[in-house]
C-alpha atoms as a PDB file:
ATOM      1  CA  MET A   1       0.000   0.000   0.000  1.00  0.00           C
ATOM      2  CA  THR A   2       1.385   3.399  -1.022  1.00  0.00           C
ATOM      3  CA  LEU A   3       2.100   5.777   1.832  1.00  0.00           C
ATOM      4  CA  THR A   4       0.231   9.058   1.306  1.00  0.00           C
ATOM      5  CA  VAL A   5       0.418  12.436   3.014  1.00  0.00           C
ATOM      6  CA  ASP A   6      -1.185  15.852   2.544  1.00  0.00           C
ATOM      7  CA  LEU A   7       0.936  19.021   2.260  1.00  0.00           C
ATOM      8  CA  ASN A   8      -0.614  22.164   3.729  1.00  0.00           C
ATOM      9  CA  ALA A   9       0.386  25.806   4.188  1.00  0.00           C
ATOM     10  CA  ASP A  10      -0.944  28.738   6.184  1.00  0.00           C
ATOM     11  CA  MET A  11      -1.853  31.530   3.790  1.00  0.00           C
ATOM     12  CA  GLY A  12      -4.198  34.413   2.973  1.00  0.00           C
ATOM     13  CA  GLU A  13      -2.254  36.415   5.543  1.00  0.00           C
ATOM     14  CA  SER A  14      -1.703  39.632   3.597  1.00  0.00           C
ATOM     15  CA  PHE A  15      -3.658  42.700   4.745  1.00  0.00           C
ATOM     16  CA  GLY A  16      -4.577  45.637   2.527  1.00  0.00           C
ATOM     17  CA  PRO A  17      -1.359  46.814   0.820  1.00  0.00           C
ATOM     18  CA  TRP A  18       0.880  44.675   3.079  1.00  0.00           C
ATOM     19  CA  ARG A  19       1.948  41.482   1.329  1.00  0.00           C
ATOM     20  CA  MET A  20       2.719  38.332   3.293  1.00  0.00           C
ATOM     21  CA  GLY A  21       4.045  35.307   1.440  1.00  0.00           C
ATOM     22  CA  ASP A  22       3.623  34.080  -2.141  1.00  0.00           C
ATOM     23  CA  ASP A  23       0.253  32.364  -2.021  1.00  0.00           C
ATOM     24  CA  ALA A  24      -0.051  32.015  -5.803  1.00  0.00           C
ATOM     25  CA  ALA A  25       3.160  29.990  -5.969  1.00  0.00           C
ATOM     26  CA  LEU A  26       2.325  27.888  -2.901  1.00  0.00           C
ATOM     27  CA  LEU A  27      -1.103  26.983  -4.282  1.00  0.00           C
ATOM     28  CA  LYS A  28       0.618  25.245  -7.184  1.00  0.00           C
ATOM     29  CA  ILE A  29       2.545  22.967  -4.780  1.00  0.00           C
ATOM     30  CA  VAL A  30       0.445  22.284  -1.660  1.00  0.00           C
ATOM     31  CA  THR A  31      -2.686  20.141  -1.478  1.00  0.00           C
ATOM     32  CA  SER A  32      -4.443  21.969   1.378  1.00  0.00           C
ATOM     33  CA  ALA A  33      -4.562  25.653   2.381  1.00  0.00           C
ATOM     34  CA  ASN A  34      -5.266  27.077   5.834  1.00  0.00           C
ATOM     35  CA  ILE A  35      -6.729  30.489   5.034  1.00  0.00           C
ATOM     36  CA  ALA A  36      -6.673  33.326   7.575  1.00  0.00           C
ATOM     37  CA  CYS A  37     -10.102  34.584   8.589  1.00  0.00           C
ATOM     38  CA  GLY A  38      -9.381  38.246   9.344  1.00  0.00           C
ATOM     39  CA  PHE A  39      -8.637  38.178  13.073  1.00  0.00           C
ATOM     40  CA  HIS A  40      -4.865  37.550  13.115  1.00  0.00           C
ATOM     41  CA  ALA A  41      -4.320  38.384   9.418  1.00  0.00           C
ATOM     42  CA  GLY A  42      -6.094  38.693   6.097  1.00  0.00           C
ATOM     43  CA  ASP A  43      -9.061  40.757   4.993  1.00  0.00           C
ATOM     44  CA  ALA A  44     -12.134  40.207   2.822  1.00  0.00           C
ATOM     45  CA  ASP A  45     -10.343  40.824  -0.482  1.00  0.00           C
ATOM     46  CA  VAL A  46      -7.390  38.643   0.476  1.00  0.00           C
ATOM     47  CA  MET A  47      -9.683  35.859   1.657  1.00  0.00           C
ATOM     48  CA  MET A  48     -11.621  35.860  -1.597  1.00  0.00           C
ATOM     49  CA  ALA A  49      -8.506  35.937  -3.786  1.00  0.00           C
ATOM     50  CA  THR A  50      -6.964  33.063  -1.813  1.00  0.00           C
ATOM     51  CA  MET A  51     -10.167  31.011  -1.861  1.00  0.00           C
ATOM     52  CA  ARG A  52     -10.441  31.444  -5.639  1.00  0.00           C
ATOM     53  CA  GLY A  53      -6.808  30.445  -6.082  1.00  0.00           C
ATOM     54  CA  ALA A  54      -7.381  27.311  -4.006  1.00  0.00           C
ATOM     55  CA  VAL A  55     -10.431  26.344  -6.074  1.00  0.00           C
ATOM     56  CA  GLU A  56      -8.587  26.932  -9.359  1.00  0.00           C
ATOM     57  CA  ASN A  57      -5.709  24.702  -8.244  1.00  0.00           C
ATOM     58  CA  GLY A  58      -7.834  21.946  -6.689  1.00  0.00           C
ATOM     59  CA  VAL A  59      -6.436  22.696  -3.236  1.00  0.00           C
ATOM     60  CA  GLY A  60      -8.475  21.801  -0.149  1.00  0.00           C
ATOM     61  CA  ILE A  61      -9.751  24.841   1.780  1.00  0.00           C
ATOM     62  CA  GLY A  62      -9.394  25.178   5.527  1.00  0.00           C
ATOM     63  CA  ALA A  63     -10.497  27.909   7.933  1.00  0.00           C
ATOM     64  CA  HIS A  64      -7.546  29.221   9.946  1.00  0.00           C
ATOM     65  CA  PRO A  65      -8.916  31.171  12.929  1.00  0.00           C
ATOM     66  CA  GLY A  66      -6.693  32.886  15.465  1.00  0.00           C
ATOM     67  CA  TYR A  67      -6.761  35.403  18.280  1.00  0.00           C
ATOM     68  CA  ALA A  68      -7.935  38.932  17.437  1.00  0.00           C
ATOM     69  CA  ASP A  69      -4.333  40.121  17.231  1.00  0.00           C
ATOM     70  CA  LEU A  70      -3.534  41.810  13.917  1.00  0.00           C
ATOM     71  CA  GLN A  71      -0.534  43.704  15.282  1.00  0.00           C
ATOM     72  CA  GLY A  72       0.991  40.549  16.757  1.00  0.00           C
ATOM     73  CA  PHE A  73       0.017  38.309  13.829  1.00  0.00           C
ATOM     74  CA  GLY A  74      -1.891  36.085  16.237  1.00  0.00           C
ATOM     75  CA  ARG A  75       1.268  35.137  18.104  1.00  0.00           C
ATOM     76  CA  HIS A  76       0.444  36.879  21.399  1.00  0.00           C
ATOM     77  CA  ARG A  77      -1.207  34.621  23.956  1.00  0.00           C
ATOM     78  CA  MET A  78      -4.506  36.174  25.069  1.00  0.00           C
ATOM     79  CA  GLN A  79      -6.777  35.537  28.037  1.00  0.00           C
ATOM     80  CA  MET A  80     -10.564  35.545  27.621  1.00  0.00           C
ATOM     81  CA  PRO A  81     -13.585  33.481  28.668  1.00  0.00           C
ATOM     82  CA  HIS A  82     -13.981  30.283  26.683  1.00  0.00           C
ATOM     83  CA  SER A  83     -17.451  31.421  25.633  1.00  0.00           C
ATOM     84  CA  THR A  84     -16.019  34.570  24.032  1.00  0.00           C
ATOM     85  CA  LEU A  85     -13.294  32.600  22.273  1.00  0.00           C
ATOM     86  CA  GLN A  86     -15.884  30.130  21.002  1.00  0.00           C
ATOM     87  CA  ASN A  87     -17.940  32.939  19.492  1.00  0.00           C
ATOM     88  CA  GLN A  88     -14.826  34.379  17.829  1.00  0.00           C
ATOM     89  CA  ILE A  89     -14.111  30.992  16.270  1.00  0.00           C
ATOM     90  CA  ARG A  90     -17.709  30.655  15.048  1.00  0.00           C
ATOM     91  CA  TYR A  91     -17.476  34.148  13.562  1.00  0.00           C
ATOM     92  CA  GLN A  92     -14.274  33.355  11.676  1.00  0.00           C
ATOM     93  CA  ILE A  93     -15.520  30.009  10.361  1.00  0.00           C
ATOM     94  CA  GLY A  94     -18.704  31.692   9.139  1.00  0.00           C
ATOM     95  CA  ALA A  95     -16.631  34.192   7.170  1.00  0.00           C
ATOM     96  CA  ALA A  96     -14.539  31.400   5.663  1.00  0.00           C
ATOM     97  CA  GLN A  97     -17.628  29.395   4.699  1.00  0.00           C
ATOM     98  CA  ALA A  98     -19.209  32.397   2.974  1.00  0.00           C
ATOM     99  CA  MET A  99     -16.076  33.246   1.011  1.00  0.00           C
ATOM    100  CA  ALA A 100     -15.458  29.630   0.017  1.00  0.00           C
ATOM    101  CA  GLN A 101     -19.014  29.223  -1.234  1.00  0.00           C
ATOM    102  CA  ALA A 102     -18.808  32.433  -3.267  1.00  0.00           C
ATOM    103  CA  ALA A 103     -15.514  31.211  -4.760  1.00  0.00           C
ATOM    104  CA  GLY A 104     -17.077  27.917  -5.808  1.00  0.00           C
ATOM    105  CA  GLY A 105     -15.546  25.787  -3.074  1.00  0.00           C
ATOM    106  CA  GLN A 106     -16.199  24.707   0.489  1.00  0.00           C
ATOM    107  CA  VAL A 107     -14.391  24.668   3.826  1.00  0.00           C
ATOM    108  CA  ARG A 108     -13.150  21.108   4.420  1.00  0.00           C
ATOM    109  CA  HIS A 109     -11.103  21.559   7.552  1.00  0.00           C
ATOM    110  CA  LEU A 110     -10.260  23.807  10.485  1.00  0.00           C
ATOM    111  CA  LYS A 111      -6.811  24.572  11.852  1.00  0.00           C
ATOM    112  CA  LEU A 112      -6.098  26.903  14.760  1.00  0.00           C
ATOM    113  CA  HIS A 113      -3.414  29.552  14.246  1.00  0.00           C
ATOM    114  CA  GLY A 114      -0.363  30.698  16.165  1.00  0.00           C
ATOM    115  CA  ALA A 115      -0.629  31.317  19.882  1.00  0.00           C
ATOM    116  CA  LEU A 116      -4.152  29.904  19.965  1.00  0.00           C
ATOM    117  CA  ALA A 117      -2.922  26.648  18.445  1.00  0.00           C
ATOM    118  CA  ASN A 118       0.098  26.472  20.752  1.00  0.00           C
ATOM    119  CA  THR A 119      -2.059  27.067  23.833  1.00  0.00           C
ATOM    120  CA  ALA A 120      -4.571  24.450  22.700  1.00  0.00           C
ATOM    121  CA  ALA A 121      -1.711  21.982  22.227  1.00  0.00           C
ATOM    122  CA  GLU A 122      -1.033  22.275  25.966  1.00  0.00           C
ATOM    123  CA  ASP A 123      -4.575  22.820  27.317  1.00  0.00           C
ATOM    124  CA  PHE A 124      -7.147  20.046  26.781  1.00  0.00           C
ATOM    125  CA  GLU A 125     -10.084  22.142  27.980  1.00  0.00           C
ATOM    126  CA  LEU A 126      -9.212  25.072  25.712  1.00  0.00           C
ATOM    127  CA  ALA A 127      -8.748  22.771  22.716  1.00  0.00           C
ATOM    128  CA  THR A 128     -12.092  21.110  23.452  1.00  0.00           C
ATOM    129  CA  ALA A 129     -13.855  24.482  23.691  1.00  0.00           C
ATOM    130  CA  CYS A 130     -12.393  25.604  20.356  1.00  0.00           C
ATOM    131  CA  TYR A 131     -13.343  22.419  18.552  1.00  0.00           C
ATOM    132  CA  GLU A 132     -16.827  22.280  20.057  1.00  0.00           C
ATOM    133  CA  ALA A 133     -17.390  25.802  18.717  1.00  0.00           C
ATOM    134  CA  ALA A 134     -16.203  24.778  15.253  1.00  0.00           C
ATOM    135  CA  LEU A 135     -18.386  21.677  15.207  1.00  0.00           C
ATOM    136  CA  SER A 136     -21.426  23.693  16.295  1.00  0.00           C
ATOM    137  CA  VAL A 137     -21.109  25.653  13.031  1.00  0.00           C
ATOM    138  CA  ALA A 138     -19.744  22.920  10.765  1.00  0.00           C
ATOM    139  CA  PRO A 139     -20.472  19.465  12.248  1.00  0.00           C
ATOM    140  CA  ASP A 140     -18.832  17.582   9.357  1.00  0.00           C
ATOM    141  CA  ILE A 141     -15.611  19.602   9.299  1.00  0.00           C
ATOM    142  CA  ALA A 142     -12.263  17.814   9.745  1.00  0.00           C
ATOM    143  CA  ILE A 143     -10.119  19.215  12.555  1.00  0.00           C
ATOM    144  CA  MET A 144      -6.409  19.524  11.783  1.00  0.00           C
ATOM    145  CA  VAL A 145      -4.499  18.946  15.021  1.00  0.00           C
ATOM    146  CA  LEU A 146      -0.906  19.149  16.188  1.00  0.00           C
ATOM    147  CA  ALA A 147      -0.008  15.457  16.385  1.00  0.00           C
ATOM    148  CA  ALA A 148       0.589  13.872  19.807  1.00  0.00           C
ATOM    149  CA  THR A 149      -0.601  16.937  21.782  1.00  0.00           C
ATOM    150  CA  GLU A 150      -3.673  17.867  23.823  1.00  0.00           C
ATOM    151  CA  GLN A 151      -5.281  18.924  20.547  1.00  0.00           C
ATOM    152  CA  GLN A 152      -5.300  15.300  19.429  1.00  0.00           C
ATOM    153  CA  ALA A 153      -6.570  14.161  22.826  1.00  0.00           C
ATOM    154  CA  ALA A 154      -9.461  16.632  22.524  1.00  0.00           C
ATOM    155  CA  VAL A 155     -10.647  15.465  19.100  1.00  0.00           C
ATOM    156  CA  ARG A 156     -10.405  11.826  20.147  1.00  0.00           C
ATOM    157  CA  ALA A 157     -12.647  12.592  23.124  1.00  0.00           C
ATOM    158  CA  LEU A 158     -15.098  14.484  20.906  1.00  0.00           C
ATOM    159  CA  GLY A 159     -15.231  11.662  18.374  1.00  0.00           C
ATOM    160  CA  CYS A 160     -15.069  14.025  15.391  1.00  0.00           C
ATOM    161  CA  LYS A 161     -13.139  13.751  12.116  1.00  0.00           C
ATOM    162  CA  PHE A 162      -9.514  14.815  12.445  1.00  0.00           C
ATOM    163  CA  VAL A 163      -6.157  14.726  10.692  1.00  0.00           C
ATOM    164  CA  CYS A 164      -2.776  14.802  12.435  1.00  0.00           C
ATOM    165  CA  GLU A 165      -0.211  17.392  11.396  1.00  0.00           C
ATOM    166  CA  ILE A 166       3.540  17.749  11.770  1.00  0.00           C
ATOM    167  CA  PHE A 167       5.668  20.744  10.777  1.00  0.00           C
ATOM    168  CA  ALA A 168       8.355  20.905   8.117  1.00  0.00           C
ATOM    169  CA  ASP A 169       9.736  24.261   9.255  1.00  0.00           C
ATOM    170  CA  ARG A 170       9.588  24.081  13.064  1.00  0.00           C
ATOM    171  CA  ALA A 171      11.651  22.318  15.725  1.00  0.00           C
ATOM    172  CA  TYR A 172       9.958  20.184  18.368  1.00  0.00           C
ATOM    173  CA  ASN A 173      10.148  19.908  22.149  1.00  0.00           C
ATOM    174  CA  ASP A 174      10.144  16.477  23.760  1.00  0.00           C
ATOM    175  CA  ASP A 175       6.410  16.755  24.563  1.00  0.00           C
ATOM    176  CA  ALA A 176       5.561  17.215  20.837  1.00  0.00           C
ATOM    177  CA  THR A 177       4.903  20.938  21.234  1.00  0.00           C
ATOM    178  CA  LEU A 178       6.768  23.431  19.059  1.00  0.00           C
ATOM    179  CA  VAL A 179       9.955  25.104  20.243  1.00  0.00           C
ATOM    180  CA  ASP A 180       9.248  28.752  21.063  1.00  0.00           C
ATOM    181  CA  ARG A 181      10.054  31.071  18.161  1.00  0.00           C
ATOM    182  CA  THR A 182      12.319  33.179  20.403  1.00  0.00           C
ATOM    183  CA  ILE A 183      14.754  30.261  20.740  1.00  0.00           C
ATOM    184  CA  PRO A 184      17.468  29.924  18.054  1.00  0.00           C
ATOM    185  CA  GLY A 185      16.753  27.044  15.694  1.00  0.00           C
ATOM    186  CA  ALA A 186      13.007  27.024  16.398  1.00  0.00           C
ATOM    187  CA  VAL A 187      12.216  27.980  12.796  1.00  0.00           C
ATOM    188  CA  ILE A 188      13.896  26.010  10.018  1.00  0.00           C
ATOM    189  CA  HIS A 189      14.876  28.126   7.000  1.00  0.00           C
ATOM    190  CA  ASP A 190      16.993  25.593   5.094  1.00  0.00           C
ATOM    191  CA  ALA A 191      14.768  24.012   2.418  1.00  0.00           C
ATOM    192  CA  ALA A 192      17.048  21.026   1.881  1.00  0.00           C
ATOM    193  CA  LEU A 193      17.103  20.280   5.612  1.00  0.00           C
ATOM    194  CA  ALA A 194      13.322  20.671   5.881  1.00  0.00           C
ATOM    195  CA  GLY A 195      12.726  18.222   3.041  1.00  0.00           C
ATOM    196  CA  LYS A 196      15.027  15.564   4.423  1.00  0.00           C
ATOM    197  CA  ARG A 197      13.896  15.781   8.055  1.00  0.00           C
ATOM    198  CA  ILE A 198      10.192  15.688   7.248  1.00  0.00           C
ATOM    199  CA  THR A 199      10.578  12.751   4.865  1.00  0.00           C
ATOM    200  CA  ASP A 200      12.471  10.920   7.601  1.00  0.00           C
ATOM    201  CA  MET A 201       9.643  11.576  10.076  1.00  0.00           C
ATOM    202  CA  VAL A 202       6.958  10.416   7.640  1.00  0.00           C
ATOM    203  CA  LEU A 203       8.837   7.182   6.910  1.00  0.00           C
ATOM    204  CA  ARG A 204       9.473   6.581  10.610  1.00  0.00           C
ATOM    205  CA  ARG A 205       5.857   7.551  11.422  1.00  0.00           C
ATOM    206  CA  ALA A 206       7.252   9.594  14.278  1.00  0.00           C
ATOM    207  CA  ILE A 207       8.103  13.144  15.315  1.00  0.00           C
ATOM    208  CA  VAL A 208      11.839  13.588  15.868  1.00  0.00           C
ATOM    209  CA  THR A 209      12.445  16.304  18.461  1.00  0.00           C
ATOM    210  CA  ALA A 210      15.312  18.766  18.740  1.00  0.00           C
ATOM    211  CA  SER A 211      16.938  16.458  21.299  1.00  0.00           C
ATOM    212  CA  GLY A 212      16.629  13.422  19.001  1.00  0.00           C
ATOM    213  CA  LYS A 213      13.711  11.803  20.823  1.00  0.00           C
ATOM    214  CA  GLU A 214      11.235   9.880  18.650  1.00  0.00           C
ATOM    215  CA  ILE A 215       7.499  10.262  19.340  1.00  0.00           C
ATOM    216  CA  PRO A 216       5.476   7.685  17.355  1.00  0.00           C
ATOM    217  CA  THR A 217       2.371   9.301  15.889  1.00  0.00           C
ATOM    218  CA  GLN A 218      -0.231   9.269  13.177  1.00  0.00           C
ATOM    219  CA  ILE A 219       0.882  11.620  10.361  1.00  0.00           C
ATOM    220  CA  ASP A 220      -1.728  12.735   7.824  1.00  0.00           C
ATOM    221  CA  THR A 221      -0.471  16.153   6.747  1.00  0.00           C
ATOM    222  CA  ILE A 222       2.712  18.239   6.668  1.00  0.00           C
ATOM    223  CA  CYS A 223       2.596  22.004   7.330  1.00  0.00           C
ATOM    224  CA  LEU A 224       4.816  24.886   6.389  1.00  0.00           C
ATOM    225  CA  HIS A 225       4.305  28.561   7.168  1.00  0.00           C
ATOM    226  CA  GLY A 226       3.496  30.745   4.180  1.00  0.00           C
ATOM    227  CA  ASP A 227       4.858  33.890   5.857  1.00  0.00           C
ATOM    228  CA  THR A 228       8.480  32.692   5.940  1.00  0.00           C
ATOM    229  CA  ALA A 229      10.739  33.997   3.172  1.00  0.00           C
ATOM    230  CA  GLU A 230      11.747  30.465   2.175  1.00  0.00           C
ATOM    231  CA  ALA A 231       8.215  29.018   2.139  1.00  0.00           C
ATOM    232  CA  VAL A 232       8.016  28.246  -1.576  1.00  0.00           C
ATOM    233  CA  ASP A 233      11.496  26.658  -1.623  1.00  0.00           C
ATOM    234  CA  ILE A 234      10.615  24.574   1.444  1.00  0.00           C
ATOM    235  CA  ALA A 235       7.330  23.461  -0.118  1.00  0.00           C
ATOM    236  CA  ARG A 236       9.118  22.362  -3.297  1.00  0.00           C
ATOM    237  CA  ALA A 237      11.831  20.527  -1.361  1.00  0.00           C
ATOM    238  CA  VAL A 238       9.367  18.724   0.899  1.00  0.00           C
ATOM    239  CA  HIS A 239       7.170  17.728  -2.046  1.00  0.00           C
ATOM    240  CA  ALA A 240      10.142  16.482  -4.089  1.00  0.00           C
ATOM    241  CA  ASP A 241      11.799  14.582  -1.244  1.00  0.00           C
ATOM    242  CA  LEU A 242       8.548  12.852  -0.241  1.00  0.00           C
ATOM    243  CA  GLN A 243       7.889  11.751  -3.814  1.00  0.00           C
ATOM    244  CA  ALA A 244      11.476  10.569  -4.225  1.00  0.00           C
ATOM    245  CA  ALA A 245      10.969   8.385  -1.140  1.00  0.00           C
ATOM    246  CA  GLY A 246       7.831   6.841  -2.676  1.00  0.00           C
ATOM    247  CA  VAL A 247       5.351   8.873  -0.617  1.00  0.00           C
ATOM    248  CA  SER A 248       2.312  10.122  -2.551  1.00  0.00           C
ATOM    249  CA  VAL A 249       1.475  13.775  -1.834  1.00  0.00           C
ATOM    250  CA  THR A 250      -2.272  14.183  -2.113  1.00  0.00           C
ATOM    251  CA  LYS A 251      -5.217  15.988  -0.495  1.00  0.00           C
ATOM    252  CA  PHE A 252      -6.451  14.121   2.589  1.00  0.00           C
ATOM    253  CA  PRO A 253      -9.950  12.591   2.301  1.00  0.00           C
ATOM    254  CA  VAL A 254     -12.897  13.910   4.333  1.00  0.00           C
END
């Protein structure tokens, strides 16, 4: 049986005249797109352009909600009642669904962004609250989770559809969370290194941490960040290395 994996990227993160990443190029390489919903990045025009590009390229569309933190790009941890956060997630998914429908597509999956995702990877109750909110709006949506974290524990408890994600361009702690971006080496900029390390993880079916520890896990999709300068090169390297190793890169089923 051929080993298959999805390749996804965070995108739609430009805002007005400020450009972030090369979405047009990425959409020709990746198989799924996590599209910002306007709270941490993106705006209505950017969302629509990105949704249309995804539809034109046959790329799966995902809603990518984050904290209401435009200045911090969603990377500032924020405190608020779970009920308020749930309503913010519903709001963002609703925007994504409307834009996707108008573009001729549909939202297939949900992936939390930035600090919200990192907090949910550590906090089972927060992850559960976020995913319950998403499922209340889109009960058939697939939840994209950080593999081997509290996010995965939450979706297993909820019994909903989910796919497990690992990162091509981020280093890992020994608990399967991501190394903080303030620490040197947390973000991987070398495309050749990213391609080789992620292919190794997929073949091992395990996360390999910065210390060398192996964490066996389900791996359904590989992520890279569209806002990094090397994103397109990393996407190409990951795609090429996976295929060279006999791994089929294709959109995950829902």
